[in-house]
C-alpha atoms as a PDB file:
ATOM      1  CA  MET A   1      78.809 102.828  92.211  1.00  0.00           C
ATOM      2  CA  THR A   2      81.110  99.880  91.627  1.00  0.00           C
ATOM      3  CA  ARG A   3      82.372  99.489  95.297  1.00  0.00           C
ATOM      4  CA  MET A   4      81.603  96.173  96.862  1.00  0.00           C
ATOM      5  CA  SER A   5      79.891  95.888 100.295  1.00  0.00           C
ATOM      6  CA  THR A   6      81.850  94.388 103.300  1.00  0.00           C
ATOM      7  CA  THR A   7      80.048  90.954 102.614  1.00  0.00           C
ATOM      8  CA  GLU A   8      80.861  91.090  99.025  1.00  0.00           C
ATOM      9  CA  ARG A   9      84.510  92.007  99.415  1.00  0.00           C
ATOM     10  CA  GLU A  10      85.115  89.576 102.165  1.00  0.00           C
ATOM     11  CA  GLY A  11      83.415  86.758 100.096  1.00  0.00           C
ATOM     12  CA  PHE A  12      85.468  87.623  97.066  1.00  0.00           C
ATOM     13  CA  LEU A  13      88.821  87.590  99.014  1.00  0.00           C
ATOM     14  CA  ASN A  14      87.710  84.302 100.580  1.00  0.00           C
ATOM     15  CA  ASP A  15      87.401  82.795  97.134  1.00  0.00           C
ATOM     16  CA  ARG A  16      90.362  81.095  95.412  1.00  0.00           C
ATOM     17  CA  HIS A  17      92.380  83.576  93.539  1.00  0.00           C
ATOM     18  CA  VAL A  18      96.199  84.010  93.054  1.00  0.00           C
ATOM     19  CA  GLY A  19      97.046  87.177  94.897  1.00  0.00           C
ATOM     20  CA  VAL A  20      99.605  89.643  93.834  1.00  0.00           C
ATOM     21  CA  LEU A  21     101.606  90.726  96.936  1.00  0.00           C
ATOM     22  CA  SER A  22     103.657  93.944  97.158  1.00  0.00           C
ATOM     23  CA  ILE A  23     106.423  94.254  99.776  1.00  0.00           C
ATOM     24  CA  PRO A  24     108.017  97.646 100.263  1.00  0.00           C
ATOM     25  CA  ALA A  25     111.821  98.063  99.430  1.00  0.00           C
ATOM     26  CA  ALA A  26     114.013 100.896 100.423  1.00  0.00           C
ATOM     27  CA  ASN A  27     115.372 102.974  97.402  1.00  0.00           C
ATOM     28  CA  ARG A  28     113.723 100.915  94.825  1.00  0.00           C
ATOM     29  CA  ALA A  29     110.421  99.800  93.545  1.00  0.00           C
ATOM     30  CA  PRO A  30     108.346  97.377  95.758  1.00  0.00           C
ATOM     31  CA  LEU A  31     108.813  93.627  95.179  1.00  0.00           C
ATOM     32  CA  THR A  32     105.557  92.523  93.614  1.00  0.00           C
ATOM     33  CA  VAL A  33     105.006  88.625  93.317  1.00  0.00           C
ATOM     34  CA  PRO A  34     102.081  86.187  92.945  1.00  0.00           C
ATOM     35  CA  VAL A  35     101.109  84.164  96.065  1.00  0.00           C
ATOM     36  CA  TRP A  36      98.662  81.645  97.110  1.00  0.00           C
ATOM     37  CA  TYR A  37      96.777  83.146 100.140  1.00  0.00           C
ATOM     38  CA  ALA A  38      93.874  82.355 102.354  1.00  0.00           C
ATOM     39  CA  TYR A  39      91.349  84.515 104.136  1.00  0.00           C
ATOM     40  CA  GLU A  40      88.203  83.992 106.161  1.00  0.00           C
ATOM     41  CA  PRO A  41      85.740  86.856 106.695  1.00  0.00           C
ATOM     42  CA  GLY A  42      86.751  88.980 109.747  1.00  0.00           C
ATOM     43  CA  GLY A  43      90.168  87.332 110.133  1.00  0.00           C
ATOM     44  CA  ASP A  44      93.656  87.763 108.967  1.00  0.00           C
ATOM     45  CA  LEU A  45      94.994  87.347 105.491  1.00  0.00           C
ATOM     46  CA  TRP A  46      97.780  84.631 105.426  1.00  0.00           C
ATOM     47  CA  PHE A  47     100.103  83.196 102.923  1.00  0.00           C
ATOM     48  CA  MET A  48     103.337  81.004 102.963  1.00  0.00           C
ATOM     49  CA  THR A  49     106.671  81.390 101.424  1.00  0.00           C
ATOM     50  CA  GLY A  50     110.240  80.013 101.755  1.00  0.00           C
ATOM     51  CA  THR A  51     112.433  81.373 104.334  1.00  0.00           C
ATOM     52  CA  THR A  52     115.275  81.884 101.821  1.00  0.00           C
ATOM     53  CA  SER A  53     112.990  83.264  99.040  1.00  0.00           C
ATOM     54  CA  LEU A  54     113.221  86.949  98.147  1.00  0.00           C
ATOM     55  CA  LYS A  55     109.957  87.620  99.804  1.00  0.00           C
ATOM     56  CA  GLY A  56     110.715  85.598 102.798  1.00  0.00           C
ATOM     57  CA  ARG A  57     113.909  87.573 103.397  1.00  0.00           C
ATOM     58  CA  ARG A  58     112.185  90.833 102.958  1.00  0.00           C
ATOM     59  CA  LEU A  59     109.278  90.241 105.210  1.00  0.00           C
ATOM     60  CA  SER A  60     109.270  91.250 108.817  1.00  0.00           C
ATOM     61  CA  VAL A  61     106.738  91.799 111.570  1.00  0.00           C
ATOM     62  CA  GLY A  62     105.443  95.270 111.506  1.00  0.00           C
ATOM     63  CA  LEU A  63     106.087  95.669 107.783  1.00  0.00           C
ATOM     64  CA  PRO A  64     103.173  97.150 105.650  1.00  0.00           C
ATOM     65  CA  VAL A  65     102.147  95.137 102.597  1.00  0.00           C
ATOM     66  CA  SER A  66      99.413  95.026 100.167  1.00  0.00           C
ATOM     67  CA  LEU A  67      97.667  92.280  98.118  1.00  0.00           C
ATOM     68  CA  CYS A  68      95.485  92.444  95.073  1.00  0.00           C
ATOM     69  CA  ALA A  69      93.166  89.528  94.142  1.00  0.00           C
ATOM     70  CA  GLN A  70      91.182  89.833  90.780  1.00  0.00           C
ATOM     71  CA  ASP A  71      88.902  88.169  88.443  1.00  0.00           C
ATOM     72  CA  GLU A  72      90.381  88.244  84.788  1.00  0.00           C
ATOM     73  CA  ALA A  73      87.140  87.640  83.021  1.00  0.00           C
ATOM     74  CA  PRO A  74      84.549  90.404  82.408  1.00  0.00           C
ATOM     75  CA  PRO A  75      82.856  91.917  84.194  1.00  0.00           C
ATOM     76  CA  TYR A  76      86.115  92.483  85.983  1.00  0.00           C
ATOM     77  CA  ARG A  77      86.215  92.581  89.759  1.00  0.00           C
ATOM     78  CA  TYR A  78      89.196  93.043  92.199  1.00  0.00           C
ATOM     79  CA  VAL A  79      89.875  93.476  95.821  1.00  0.00           C
ATOM     80  CA  SER A  80      93.018  95.166  97.114  1.00  0.00           C
ATOM     81  CA  VAL A  81      93.988  95.162 100.710  1.00  0.00           C
ATOM     82  CA  GLU A  82      96.721  96.967 102.799  1.00  0.00           C
ATOM     83  CA  GLY A  83      97.852  95.780 106.169  1.00  0.00           C
ATOM     84  CA  VAL A  84     100.755  94.987 108.519  1.00  0.00           C
ATOM     85  CA  VAL A  85     102.533  91.769 108.995  1.00  0.00           C
ATOM     86  CA  HIS A  86     101.739  90.755 112.606  1.00  0.00           C
ATOM     87  CA  SER A  87     103.092  87.213 112.572  1.00  0.00           C
ATOM     88  CA  ILE A  88     105.755  85.112 110.915  1.00  0.00           C
ATOM     89  CA  GLU A  89     105.968  81.548 112.134  1.00  0.00           C
ATOM     90  CA  PRO A  90     107.302  78.214 110.856  1.00  0.00           C
ATOM     91  CA  SER A  91     104.538  76.744 108.587  1.00  0.00           C
ATOM     92  CA  ARG A  92     102.653  73.713 109.994  1.00  0.00           C
ATOM     93  CA  LEU A  93     102.635  70.964 107.323  1.00  0.00           C
ATOM     94  CA  GLU A  94      99.067  69.355 108.015  1.00  0.00           C
ATOM     95  CA  GLU A  95      97.295  72.406 109.394  1.00  0.00           C
ATOM     96  CA  GLU A  96      98.532  75.082 106.808  1.00  0.00           C
ATOM     97  CA  LEU A  97     100.754  73.885 103.943  1.00  0.00           C
ATOM     98  CA  ARG A  98      98.837  70.785 102.787  1.00  0.00           C
ATOM     99  CA  PRO A  99      95.395  72.543 102.992  1.00  0.00           C
ATOM    100  CA  MET A 100      96.698  75.440 101.027  1.00  0.00           C
ATOM    101  CA  ALA A 101      98.410  73.361  98.369  1.00  0.00           C
ATOM    102  CA  ARG A 102      95.210  71.176  97.925  1.00  0.00           C
ATOM    103  CA  ARG A 103      93.184  74.500  97.710  1.00  0.00           C
ATOM    104  CA  TYR A 104      95.192  75.623  94.569  1.00  0.00           C
ATOM    105  CA  LEU A 105      96.176  72.248  93.147  1.00  0.00           C
ATOM    106  CA  GLY A 106      93.590  69.712  94.110  1.00  0.00           C
ATOM    107  CA  GLU A 107      94.182  66.869  96.448  1.00  0.00           C
ATOM    108  CA  ARG A 108      96.660  64.904  94.329  1.00  0.00           C
ATOM    109  CA  GLY A 109      98.652  67.872  93.214  1.00  0.00           C
ATOM    110  CA  GLY A 110      98.566  69.312  96.706  1.00  0.00           C
ATOM    111  CA  ASP A 111      99.891  66.266  98.160  1.00  0.00           C
ATOM    112  CA  ALA A 112     102.693  66.033  95.632  1.00  0.00           C
ATOM    113  CA  TYR A 113     103.579  69.709  96.260  1.00  0.00           C
ATOM    114  CA  THR A 114     103.582  69.262 100.008  1.00  0.00           C
ATOM    115  CA  GLU A 115     105.830  66.153  99.835  1.00  0.00           C
ATOM    116  CA  ARG A 116     108.587  67.988  97.732  1.00  0.00           C
ATOM    117  CA  GLU A 117     112.024  68.850  99.192  1.00  0.00           C
ATOM    118  CA  GLY A 118     112.285  72.265 101.002  1.00  0.00           C
ATOM    119  CA  VAL A 119     108.817  72.194 102.661  1.00  0.00           C
ATOM    120  CA  ALA A 120     110.524  72.416 106.148  1.00  0.00           C
ATOM    121  CA  ASP A 121     111.877  75.826 105.299  1.00  0.00           C
ATOM    122  CA  THR A 122     108.525  77.443 104.872  1.00  0.00           C
ATOM    123  CA  ILE A 123     107.113  80.105 106.876  1.00  0.00           C
ATOM    124  CA  THR A 124     103.364  81.446 107.422  1.00  0.00           C
ATOM    125  CA  VAL A 125     103.016  85.250 107.313  1.00  0.00           C
ATOM    126  CA  ARG A 126      99.758  86.698 108.709  1.00  0.00           C
ATOM    127  CA  VAL A 127      98.696  90.132 107.716  1.00  0.00           C
ATOM    128  CA  ARG A 128      96.095  92.260 109.658  1.00  0.00           C
ATOM    129  CA  ILE A 129      93.990  94.113 107.004  1.00  0.00           C
ATOM    130  CA  GLU A 130      93.639  97.706 107.659  1.00  0.00           C
ATOM    131  CA  ARG A 131      92.315  99.238 104.310  1.00  0.00           C
ATOM    132  CA  TRP A 132      90.292  97.744 101.413  1.00  0.00           C
ATOM    133  CA  LEU A 133      89.915  99.022  97.835  1.00  0.00           C
ATOM    134  CA  THR A 134      87.298  97.118  95.793  1.00  0.00           C
ATOM    135  CA  VAL A 135      85.728  97.331  92.358  1.00  0.00           C
ATOM    136  CA  ASP A 136      82.979  95.238  90.849  1.00  0.00           C
ATOM    137  CA  TYR A 137      82.311  96.428  87.268  1.00  0.00           C
ATOM    138  CA  SER A 138      79.153  94.386  87.109  1.00  0.00           C
ATOM    139  CA  LYS A 139      77.539  97.066  89.186  1.00  0.00           C
ATOM    140  CA  GLY A 140      78.484  99.899  86.720  1.00  0.00           C
END
């Protein structure tokens, strides 16, 4: 059995990975793009994007989305979640954007990223997770 326990899957999703987000589209394949994201066990998955980006324009409250996070080194592991967007709000610079940028780029790189032009046009998208699919091949 390669499935992760609830504690394992939530811990894995809480770790730092670049997620791959899929957003449905009418009459075409879904938009599938990499995103920085954050998750704390028991909470919502959330990420940020520009309001004028393709993903920012396609996202709306009530929209179902999925995200996959993976380890790229053996033994391979991944967590895939499905959920519904329940909140889209302007991002808060110090409470959301700077900590997220530092999470992925370190303090210096995160601060430089946060102080670039266009930051004011960033939204925070929160997803309530409804379904999980997990694999941990170290268990096989």
